[in-house]
């Protein structure tokens, strides 16, 4: 599902105009980016948690040449599924 399909589905389910849903999703994206930039954790109970984490510097290996390379430390984003998402995923047959 892409963003346009998501906007349409939410608009239909919530019985609101698509433009409103699109504006809300854009606002959510901007707020998540700002929160991550500030180093804050964002938790939507039952849905997901988004937080910035630090990855330590480490030594890696170039898979083509086998040569060792130094990978610098970096900030990354960690997204954790909430209980409702985990429950939905576990109810789908394999």
PDB file of N, CA and C in Angstrom:
ATOM      1  N   UNK A   1       0.847  -1.174   0.000  1.00  0.00           N
ATOM      2  CA  UNK A   1       0.000   0.000   0.000  1.00  0.00           C
ATOM      3  C   UNK A   1       0.896   1.241   0.000  1.00  0.00           C
ATOM      4  N   UNK A   2       0.677   2.130  -0.944  1.00  0.00           N
ATOM      5  CA  UNK A   2       1.446   3.368  -0.977  1.00  0.00           C
ATOM      6  C   UNK A   2       0.667   4.477  -0.258  1.00  0.00           C
ATOM      7  N   UNK A   3       1.245   5.681  -0.224  1.00  0.00           N
ATOM      8  CA  UNK A   3       0.623   6.766   0.533  1.00  0.00           C
ATOM      9  C   UNK A   3      -0.760   7.132  -0.021  1.00  0.00           C
ATOM     10  N   UNK A   4      -0.890   7.199  -1.339  1.00  0.00           N
ATOM     11  CA  UNK A   4      -2.182   7.569  -1.930  1.00  0.00           C
ATOM     12  C   UNK A   4      -3.259   6.551  -1.571  1.00  0.00           C
ATOM     13  N   UNK A   5      -2.918   5.278  -1.605  1.00  0.00           N
ATOM     14  CA  UNK A   5      -3.874   4.229  -1.243  1.00  0.00           C
ATOM     15  C   UNK A   5      -4.223   4.308   0.240  1.00  0.00           C
ATOM     16  N   UNK A   6      -3.234   4.608   1.068  1.00  0.00           N
ATOM     17  CA  UNK A   6      -3.465   4.747   2.502  1.00  0.00           C
ATOM     18  C   UNK A   6      -4.391   5.928   2.785  1.00  0.00           C
ATOM     19  N   UNK A   7      -4.139   7.049   2.130  1.00  0.00           N
ATOM     20  CA  UNK A   7      -4.991   8.233   2.309  1.00  0.00           C
ATOM     21  C   UNK A   7      -6.427   7.914   1.929  1.00  0.00           C
ATOM     22  N   UNK A   8      -6.606   7.254   0.793  1.00  0.00           N
ATOM     23  CA  UNK A   8      -7.952   6.899   0.341  1.00  0.00           C
ATOM     24  C   UNK A   8      -8.649   5.966   1.330  1.00  0.00           C
ATOM     25  N   UNK A   9      -7.927   4.960   1.818  1.00  0.00           N
ATOM     26  CA  UNK A   9      -8.514   3.994   2.748  1.00  0.00           C
ATOM     27  C   UNK A   9      -8.905   4.652   4.073  1.00  0.00           C
ATOM     28  N   UNK A  10      -8.037   5.513   4.592  1.00  0.00           N
ATOM     29  CA  UNK A  10      -8.342   6.186   5.857  1.00  0.00           C
ATOM     30  C   UNK A  10      -9.510   7.152   5.677  1.00  0.00           C
ATOM     31  N   UNK A  11      -9.515   7.886   4.570  1.00  0.00           N
ATOM     32  CA  UNK A  11     -10.600   8.835   4.312  1.00  0.00           C
ATOM     33  C   UNK A  11     -11.943   8.121   4.248  1.00  0.00           C
ATOM     34  N   UNK A  12     -11.964   6.970   3.602  1.00  0.00           N
ATOM     35  CA  UNK A  12     -13.208   6.195   3.494  1.00  0.00           C
ATOM     36  C   UNK A  12     -13.630   5.666   4.864  1.00  0.00           C
ATOM     37  N   UNK A  13     -12.679   5.125   5.617  1.00  0.00           N
ATOM     38  CA  UNK A  13     -12.985   4.544   6.932  1.00  0.00           C
ATOM     39  C   UNK A  13     -13.447   5.604   7.933  1.00  0.00           C
ATOM     40  N   UNK A  14     -12.806   6.787   7.891  1.00  0.00           N
ATOM     41  CA  UNK A  14     -13.129   7.841   8.849  1.00  0.00           C
ATOM     42  C   UNK A  14     -14.193   8.795   8.331  1.00  0.00           C
ATOM     43  N   UNK A  15     -14.597   8.619   7.098  1.00  0.00           N
ATOM     44  CA  UNK A  15     -15.614   9.465   6.473  1.00  0.00           C
ATOM     45  C   UNK A  15     -15.225  10.945   6.530  1.00  0.00           C
ATOM     46  N   UNK A  16     -13.986  11.233   6.122  1.00  0.00           N
ATOM     47  CA  UNK A  16     -13.483  12.601   6.030  1.00  0.00           C
ATOM     48  C   UNK A  16     -12.864  12.792   4.646  1.00  0.00           C
ATOM     49  N   UNK A  17     -12.692  14.025   4.207  1.00  0.00           N
ATOM     50  CA  UNK A  17     -12.099  14.262   2.890  1.00  0.00           C
ATOM     51  C   UNK A  17     -10.654  13.770   2.812  1.00  0.00           C
ATOM     52  N   UNK A  18     -10.275  13.306   1.633  1.00  0.00           N
ATOM     53  CA  UNK A  18      -8.906  12.824   1.417  1.00  0.00           C
ATOM     54  C   UNK A  18      -7.878  13.913   1.688  1.00  0.00           C
ATOM     55  N   UNK A  19      -8.211  15.162   1.355  1.00  0.00           N
ATOM     56  CA  UNK A  19      -7.278  16.269   1.583  1.00  0.00           C
ATOM     57  C   UNK A  19      -6.963  16.418   3.074  1.00  0.00           C
ATOM     58  N   UNK A  20      -7.944  16.192   3.924  1.00  0.00           N
ATOM     59  CA  UNK A  20      -7.735  16.275   5.368  1.00  0.00           C
ATOM     60  C   UNK A  20      -6.797  15.177   5.842  1.00  0.00           C
ATOM     61  N   UNK A  21      -7.032  13.968   5.369  1.00  0.00           N
ATOM     62  CA  UNK A  21      -6.174  12.839   5.745  1.00  0.00           C
ATOM     63  C   UNK A  21      -4.747  13.073   5.262  1.00  0.00           C
ATOM     64  N   UNK A  22      -4.602  13.565   4.034  1.00  0.00           N
ATOM     65  CA  UNK A  22      -3.273  13.839   3.483  1.00  0.00           C
ATOM     66  C   UNK A  22      -2.550  14.884   4.326  1.00  0.00           C
ATOM     67  N   UNK A  23      -3.272  15.924   4.756  1.00  0.00           N
ATOM     68  CA  UNK A  23      -2.672  16.963   5.592  1.00  0.00           C
ATOM     69  C   UNK A  23      -2.249  16.411   6.949  1.00  0.00           C
ATOM     70  N   UNK A  24      -3.064  15.545   7.511  1.00  0.00           N
ATOM     71  CA  UNK A  24      -2.728  14.935   8.805  1.00  0.00           C
ATOM     72  C   UNK A  24      -1.493  14.044   8.677  1.00  0.00           C
ATOM     73  N   UNK A  25      -1.428  13.240   7.628  1.00  0.00           N
ATOM     74  CA  UNK A  25      -0.258  12.377   7.436  1.00  0.00           C
ATOM     75  C   UNK A  25       1.005  13.202   7.200  1.00  0.00           C
ATOM     76  N   UNK A  26       0.887  14.295   6.462  1.00  0.00           N
ATOM     77  CA  UNK A  26       2.037  15.177   6.252  1.00  0.00           C
ATOM     78  C   UNK A  26       2.484  15.796   7.571  1.00  0.00           C
ATOM     79  N   UNK A  27       1.515  16.206   8.395  1.00  0.00           N
ATOM     80  CA  UNK A  27       1.843  16.745   9.708  1.00  0.00           C
ATOM     81  C   UNK A  27       2.505  15.709  10.599  1.00  0.00           C
ATOM     82  N   UNK A  28       2.021  14.476  10.540  1.00  0.00           N
ATOM     83  CA  UNK A  28       2.627  13.381  11.304  1.00  0.00           C
ATOM     84  C   UNK A  28       4.072  13.167  10.883  1.00  0.00           C
ATOM     85  N   UNK A  29       4.311  13.160   9.578  1.00  0.00           N
ATOM     86  CA  UNK A  29       5.666  12.971   9.074  1.00  0.00           C
ATOM     87  C   UNK A  29       6.591  14.082   9.564  1.00  0.00           C
ATOM     88  N   UNK A  30       6.136  15.326   9.458  1.00  0.00           N
ATOM     89  CA  UNK A  30       6.953  16.456   9.904  1.00  0.00           C
ATOM     90  C   UNK A  30       7.244  16.379  11.394  1.00  0.00           C
ATOM     91  N   UNK A  31       6.246  16.015  12.177  1.00  0.00           N
ATOM     92  CA  UNK A  31       6.442  15.933  13.628  1.00  0.00           C
ATOM     93  C   UNK A  31       7.383  14.792  14.000  1.00  0.00           C
ATOM     94  N   UNK A  32       7.269  13.651  13.318  1.00  0.00           N
ATOM     95  CA  UNK A  32       8.192  12.536  13.579  1.00  0.00           C
ATOM     96  C   UNK A  32       9.627  12.938  13.258  1.00  0.00           C
ATOM     97  N   UNK A  33       9.828  13.599  12.136  1.00  0.00           N
ATOM     98  CA  UNK A  33      11.173  14.041  11.750  1.00  0.00           C
ATOM     99  C   UNK A  33      11.715  15.023  12.791  1.00  0.00           C
ATOM    100  N   UNK A  34      10.893  15.987  13.211  1.00  0.00           N
ATOM    101  CA  UNK A  34      11.335  16.956  14.222  1.00  0.00           C
ATOM    102  C   UNK A  34      11.658  16.274  15.552  1.00  0.00           C
ATOM    103  N   UNK A  35      10.827  15.328  15.975  1.00  0.00           N
ATOM    104  CA  UNK A  35      11.056  14.629  17.244  1.00  0.00           C
ATOM    105  C   UNK A  35      12.346  13.812  17.194  1.00  0.00           C
ATOM    106  N   UNK A  36      12.569  13.122  16.092  1.00  0.00           N
ATOM    107  CA  UNK A  36      13.796  12.330  15.947  1.00  0.00           C
ATOM    108  C   UNK A  36      15.016  13.250  15.937  1.00  0.00           C
ATOM    109  N   UNK A  37      14.898  14.395  15.273  1.00  0.00           N
ATOM    110  CA  UNK A  37      15.993  15.367  15.236  1.00  0.00           C
ATOM    111  C   UNK A  37      16.318  15.862  16.648  1.00  0.00           C
ATOM    112  N   UNK A  38      15.293  16.057  17.465  1.00  0.00           N
ATOM    113  CA  UNK A  38      15.494  16.499  18.855  1.00  0.00           C
ATOM    114  C   UNK A  38      15.934  15.358  19.773  1.00  0.00           C
ATOM    115  N   UNK A  39      15.909  14.137  19.290  1.00  0.00           N
ATOM    116  CA  UNK A  39      16.295  12.992  20.108  1.00  0.00           C
ATOM    117  C   UNK A  39      15.179  12.454  20.969  1.00  0.00           C
ATOM    118  N   UNK A  40      13.944  12.833  20.657  1.00  0.00           N
ATOM    119  CA  UNK A  40      12.800  12.372  21.445  1.00  0.00           C
ATOM    120  C   UNK A  40      12.252  11.059  20.905  1.00  0.00           C
ATOM    121  N   UNK A  41      11.656  10.309  21.804  1.00  0.00           N
ATOM    122  CA  UNK A  41      10.993   9.058  21.453  1.00  0.00           C
ATOM    123  C   UNK A  41       9.509   9.349  21.246  1.00  0.00           C
ATOM    124  N   UNK A  42       8.928   8.808  20.174  1.00  0.00           N
ATOM    125  CA  UNK A  42       7.508   8.997  19.898  1.00  0.00           C
ATOM    126  C   UNK A  42       6.824   7.640  20.022  1.00  0.00           C
ATOM    127  N   UNK A  43       5.830   7.559  20.888  1.00  0.00           N
ATOM    128  CA  UNK A  43       5.105   6.309  21.090  1.00  0.00           C
ATOM    129  C   UNK A  43       3.621   6.530  20.847  1.00  0.00           C
ATOM    130  N   UNK A  44       3.060   5.734  19.948  1.00  0.00           N
ATOM    131  CA  UNK A  44       1.624   5.727  19.716  1.00  0.00           C
ATOM    132  C   UNK A  44       1.153   4.392  20.292  1.00  0.00           C
ATOM    133  N   UNK A  45       0.532   4.452  21.434  1.00  0.00           N
ATOM    134  CA  UNK A  45       0.170   3.265  22.189  1.00  0.00           C
ATOM    135  C   UNK A  45      -0.562   2.229  21.334  1.00  0.00           C
ATOM    136  N   UNK A  46      -0.053   1.004  21.350  1.00  0.00           N
ATOM    137  CA  UNK A  46      -0.658  -0.096  20.611  1.00  0.00           C
ATOM    138  C   UNK A  46      -0.270  -0.157  19.148  1.00  0.00           C
ATOM    139  N   UNK A  47       0.311   0.929  18.610  1.00  0.00           N
ATOM    140  CA  UNK A  47       0.635   0.960  17.186  1.00  0.00           C
ATOM    141  C   UNK A  47       2.126   0.833  16.942  1.00  0.00           C
ATOM    142  N   UNK A  48       2.903   1.814  17.399  1.00  0.00           N
ATOM    143  CA  UNK A  48       4.342   1.769  17.170  1.00  0.00           C
ATOM    144  C   UNK A  48       5.073   2.747  18.055  1.00  0.00           C
ATOM    145  N   UNK A  49       6.379   2.539  18.148  1.00  0.00           N
ATOM    146  CA  UNK A  49       7.278   3.444  18.846  1.00  0.00           C
ATOM    147  C   UNK A  49       8.422   3.751  17.891  1.00  0.00           C
ATOM    148  N   UNK A  50       8.785   5.026  17.786  1.00  0.00           N
ATOM    149  CA  UNK A  50       9.869   5.459  16.917  1.00  0.00           C
ATOM    150  C   UNK A  50      10.873   6.215  17.776  1.00  0.00           C
ATOM    151  N   UNK A  51      12.156   5.846  17.661  1.00  0.00           N
ATOM    152  CA  UNK A  51      13.181   6.531  18.440  1.00  0.00           C
ATOM    153  C   UNK A  51      14.506   6.535  17.698  1.00  0.00           C
ATOM    154  N   UNK A  52      15.339   7.530  18.029  1.00  0.00           N
ATOM    155  CA  UNK A  52      16.679   7.598  17.450  1.00  0.00           C
ATOM    156  C   UNK A  52      17.620   6.783  18.315  1.00  0.00           C
ATOM    157  N   UNK A  53      18.458   5.994  17.687  1.00  0.00           N
ATOM    158  CA  UNK A  53      19.452   5.208  18.409  1.00  0.00           C
ATOM    159  C   UNK A  53      20.824   5.462  17.812  1.00  0.00           C
ATOM    160  N   UNK A  54      21.851   5.112  18.559  1.00  0.00           N
ATOM    161  CA  UNK A  54      23.218   5.261  18.078  1.00  0.00           C
ATOM    162  C   UNK A  54      23.795   3.886  17.781  1.00  0.00           C
ATOM    163  N   UNK A  55      24.440   3.789  16.632  1.00  0.00           N
ATOM    164  CA  UNK A  55      25.109   2.556  16.249  1.00  0.00           C
ATOM    165  C   UNK A  55      26.606   2.794  16.410  1.00  0.00           C
ATOM    166  N   UNK A  56      27.279   1.920  17.114  1.00  0.00           N
ATOM    167  CA  UNK A  56      28.703   2.064  17.386  1.00  0.00           C
ATOM    168  C   UNK A  56      29.539   1.860  16.132  1.00  0.00           C
ATOM    169  N   UNK A  57      30.732   2.421  16.167  1.00  0.00           N
ATOM    170  CA  UNK A  57      31.675   2.172  15.083  1.00  0.00           C
ATOM    171  C   UNK A  57      32.067   0.700  15.128  1.00  0.00           C
ATOM    172  N   UNK A  58      32.316   0.126  13.973  1.00  0.00           N
ATOM    173  CA  UNK A  58      32.675  -1.289  13.934  1.00  0.00           C
ATOM    174  C   UNK A  58      33.486  -1.584  12.683  1.00  0.00           C
ATOM    175  N   UNK A  59      34.051  -2.767  12.657  1.00  0.00           N
ATOM    176  CA  UNK A  59      34.805  -3.209  11.485  1.00  0.00           C
ATOM    177  C   UNK A  59      33.919  -4.138  10.676  1.00  0.00           C
ATOM    178  N   UNK A  60      33.826  -3.852   9.385  1.00  0.00           N
ATOM    179  CA  UNK A  60      33.020  -4.676   8.495  1.00  0.00           C
ATOM    180  C   UNK A  60      33.903  -5.315   7.442  1.00  0.00           C
ATOM    181  N   UNK A  61      33.264  -5.961   6.479  1.00  0.00           N
ATOM    182  CA  UNK A  61      34.011  -6.626   5.424  1.00  0.00           C
ATOM    183  C   UNK A  61      33.331  -6.332   4.095  1.00  0.00           C
ATOM    184  N   UNK A  62      34.133  -5.938   3.114  1.00  0.00           N
ATOM    185  CA  UNK A  62      33.623  -5.730   1.765  1.00  0.00           C
ATOM    186  C   UNK A  62      33.307  -7.110   1.187  1.00  0.00           C
ATOM    187  N   UNK A  63      32.052  -7.398   0.845  1.00  0.00           N
ATOM    188  CA  UNK A  63      31.702  -8.737   0.372  1.00  0.00           C
ATOM    189  C   UNK A  63      32.322  -9.102  -0.978  1.00  0.00           C
ATOM    190  N   UNK A  64      32.670  -8.106  -1.783  1.00  0.00           N
ATOM    191  CA  UNK A  64      33.268  -8.409  -3.088  1.00  0.00           C
ATOM    192  C   UNK A  64      34.750  -8.750  -2.980  1.00  0.00           C
ATOM    193  N   UNK A  65      35.463  -7.996  -2.123  1.00  0.00           N
ATOM    194  CA  UNK A  65      36.915  -8.190  -2.048  1.00  0.00           C
ATOM    195  C   UNK A  65      37.359  -8.906  -0.776  1.00  0.00           C
ATOM    196  N   UNK A  66      36.527  -8.953   0.233  1.00  0.00           N
ATOM    197  CA  UNK A  66      36.909  -9.556   1.502  1.00  0.00           C
ATOM    198  C   UNK A  66      37.736  -8.621   2.359  1.00  0.00           C
ATOM    199  N   UNK A  67      38.010  -7.428   1.866  1.00  0.00           N
ATOM    200  CA  UNK A  67      38.825  -6.457   2.579  1.00  0.00           C
ATOM    201  C   UNK A  67      38.072  -5.914   3.790  1.00  0.00           C
ATOM    202  N   UNK A  68      38.774  -5.750   4.913  1.00  0.00           N
ATOM    203  CA  UNK A  68      38.181  -5.168   6.117  1.00  0.00           C
ATOM    204  C   UNK A  68      38.027  -3.667   5.926  1.00  0.00           C
ATOM    205  N   UNK A  69      36.897  -3.143   6.385  1.00  0.00           N
ATOM    206  CA  UNK A  69      36.659  -1.708   6.308  1.00  0.00           C
ATOM    207  C   UNK A  69      36.150  -1.217   7.651  1.00  0.00           C
ATOM    208  N   UNK A  70      36.467   0.022   7.961  1.00  0.00           N
ATOM    209  CA  UNK A  70      35.981   0.634   9.191  1.00  0.00           C
ATOM    210  C   UNK A  70      34.659   1.327   8.896  1.00  0.00           C
ATOM    211  N   UNK A  71      33.622   0.977   9.660  1.00  0.00           N
ATOM    212  CA  UNK A  71      32.304   1.581   9.520  1.00  0.00           C
ATOM    213  C   UNK A  71      32.148   2.558  10.682  1.00  0.00           C
ATOM    214  N   UNK A  72      31.958   3.848  10.380  1.00  0.00           N
ATOM    215  CA  UNK A  72      31.890   4.835  11.457  1.00  0.00           C
ATOM    216  C   UNK A  72      30.591   4.731  12.266  1.00  0.00           C
ATOM    217  N   UNK A  73      30.627   5.308  13.449  1.00  0.00           N
ATOM    218  CA  UNK A  73      29.427   5.374  14.284  1.00  0.00           C
ATOM    219  C   UNK A  73      28.390   6.228  13.565  1.00  0.00           C
ATOM    220  N   UNK A  74      27.119   5.942  13.811  1.00  0.00           N
ATOM    221  CA  UNK A  74      26.049   6.687  13.140  1.00  0.00           C
ATOM    222  C   UNK A  74      24.790   6.672  13.990  1.00  0.00           C
ATOM    223  N   UNK A  75      23.945   7.662  13.746  1.00  0.00           N
ATOM    224  CA  UNK A  75      22.611   7.670  14.330  1.00  0.00           C
ATOM    225  C   UNK A  75      21.682   6.968  13.363  1.00  0.00           C
ATOM    226  N   UNK A  76      20.714   6.248  13.899  1.00  0.00           N
ATOM    227  CA  UNK A  76      19.740   5.548  13.067  1.00  0.00           C
ATOM    228  C   UNK A  76      18.371   5.627  13.734  1.00  0.00           C
ATOM    229  N   UNK A  77      17.357   5.166  13.067  1.00  0.00           N
ATOM    230  CA  UNK A  77      16.006   5.199  13.613  1.00  0.00           C
ATOM    231  C   UNK A  77      15.543   3.775  13.886  1.00  0.00           C
ATOM    232  N   UNK A  78      14.958   3.578  15.046  1.00  0.00           N
ATOM    233  CA  UNK A  78      14.424   2.275  15.431  1.00  0.00           C
ATOM    234  C   UNK A  78      12.908   2.397  15.515  1.00  0.00           C
ATOM    235  N   UNK A  79      12.214   1.529  14.787  1.00  0.00           N
ATOM    236  CA  UNK A  79      10.752   1.495  14.822  1.00  0.00           C
ATOM    237  C   UNK A  79      10.346   0.154  15.418  1.00  0.00           C
ATOM    238  N   UNK A  80       9.562   0.206  16.485  1.00  0.00           N
ATOM    239  CA  UNK A  80       9.113  -1.001  17.160  1.00  0.00           C
ATOM    240  C   UNK A  80       7.599  -1.113  17.017  1.00  0.00           C
ATOM    241  N   UNK A  81       7.149  -2.264  16.589  1.00  0.00           N
ATOM    242  CA  UNK A  81       5.709  -2.497  16.442  1.00  0.00           C
ATOM    243  C   UNK A  81       5.048  -2.560  17.808  1.00  0.00           C
ATOM    244  N   UNK A  82       3.867  -1.976  17.903  1.00  0.00           N
ATOM    245  CA  UNK A  82       3.088  -2.014  19.130  1.00  0.00           C
ATOM    246  C   UNK A  82       2.286  -3.297  19.226  1.00  0.00           C
ATOM    247  N   UNK A  83       1.598  -3.456  20.322  1.00  0.00           N
ATOM    248  CA  UNK A  83       0.879  -4.697  20.593  1.00  0.00           C
ATOM    249  C   UNK A  83      -0.200  -4.999  19.549  1.00  0.00           C
ATOM    250  N   UNK A  84      -0.905  -3.982  19.076  1.00  0.00           N
ATOM    251  CA  UNK A  84      -1.950  -4.233  18.073  1.00  0.00           C
ATOM    252  C   UNK A  84      -1.365  -4.718  16.749  1.00  0.00           C
ATOM    253  N   UNK A  85      -0.237  -4.155  16.338  1.00  0.00           N
ATOM    254  CA  UNK A  85       0.407  -4.609  15.100  1.00  0.00           C
ATOM    255  C   UNK A  85       0.944  -6.033  15.257  1.00  0.00           C
ATOM    256  N   UNK A  86       1.557  -6.299  16.403  1.00  0.00           N
ATOM    257  CA  UNK A  86       2.081  -7.642  16.639  1.00  0.00           C
ATOM    258  C   UNK A  86       0.969  -8.681  16.651  1.00  0.00           C
ATOM    259  N   UNK A  87      -0.144  -8.325  17.267  1.00  0.00           N
ATOM    260  CA  UNK A  87      -1.284  -9.242  17.339  1.00  0.00           C
ATOM    261  C   UNK A  87      -1.845  -9.493  15.937  1.00  0.00           C
ATOM    262  N   UNK A  88      -1.963  -8.441  15.114  1.00  0.00           N
ATOM    263  CA  UNK A  88      -2.473  -8.584  13.758  1.00  0.00           C
ATOM    264  C   UNK A  88      -1.554  -9.475  12.919  1.00  0.00           C
ATOM    265  N   UNK A  89      -0.256  -9.299  13.075  1.00  0.00           N
ATOM    266  CA  UNK A  89       0.704 -10.106  12.312  1.00  0.00           C
ATOM    267  C   UNK A  89       0.666 -11.573  12.729  1.00  0.00           C
ATOM    268  N   UNK A  90       0.489 -11.812  14.023  1.00  0.00           N
ATOM    269  CA  UNK A  90       0.482 -13.197  14.503  1.00  0.00           C
ATOM    270  C   UNK A  90      -0.792 -13.942  14.119  1.00  0.00           C
ATOM    271  N   UNK A  91      -1.848 -13.209  13.793  1.00  0.00           N
ATOM    272  CA  UNK A  91      -3.109 -13.855  13.414  1.00  0.00           C
ATOM    273  C   UNK A  91      -3.192 -14.232  11.945  1.00  0.00           C
ATOM    274  N   UNK A  92      -2.192 -13.858  11.160  1.00  0.00           N
ATOM    275  CA  UNK A  92      -2.178 -14.189   9.730  1.00  0.00           C
ATOM    276  C   UNK A  92      -1.522 -15.550   9.564  1.00  0.00           C
ATOM    277  N   UNK A  93      -2.190 -16.481   8.857  1.00  0.00           N
ATOM    278  CA  UNK A  93      -1.583 -17.805   8.678  1.00  0.00           C
ATOM    279  C   UNK A  93      -0.313 -17.734   7.837  1.00  0.00           C
ATOM    280  N   UNK A  94       0.596 -18.614   8.144  1.00  0.00           N
ATOM    281  CA  UNK A  94       1.900 -18.637   7.443  1.00  0.00           C
ATOM    282  C   UNK A  94       1.775 -19.394   6.156  1.00  0.00           C
TER     283      UNK A  94
END
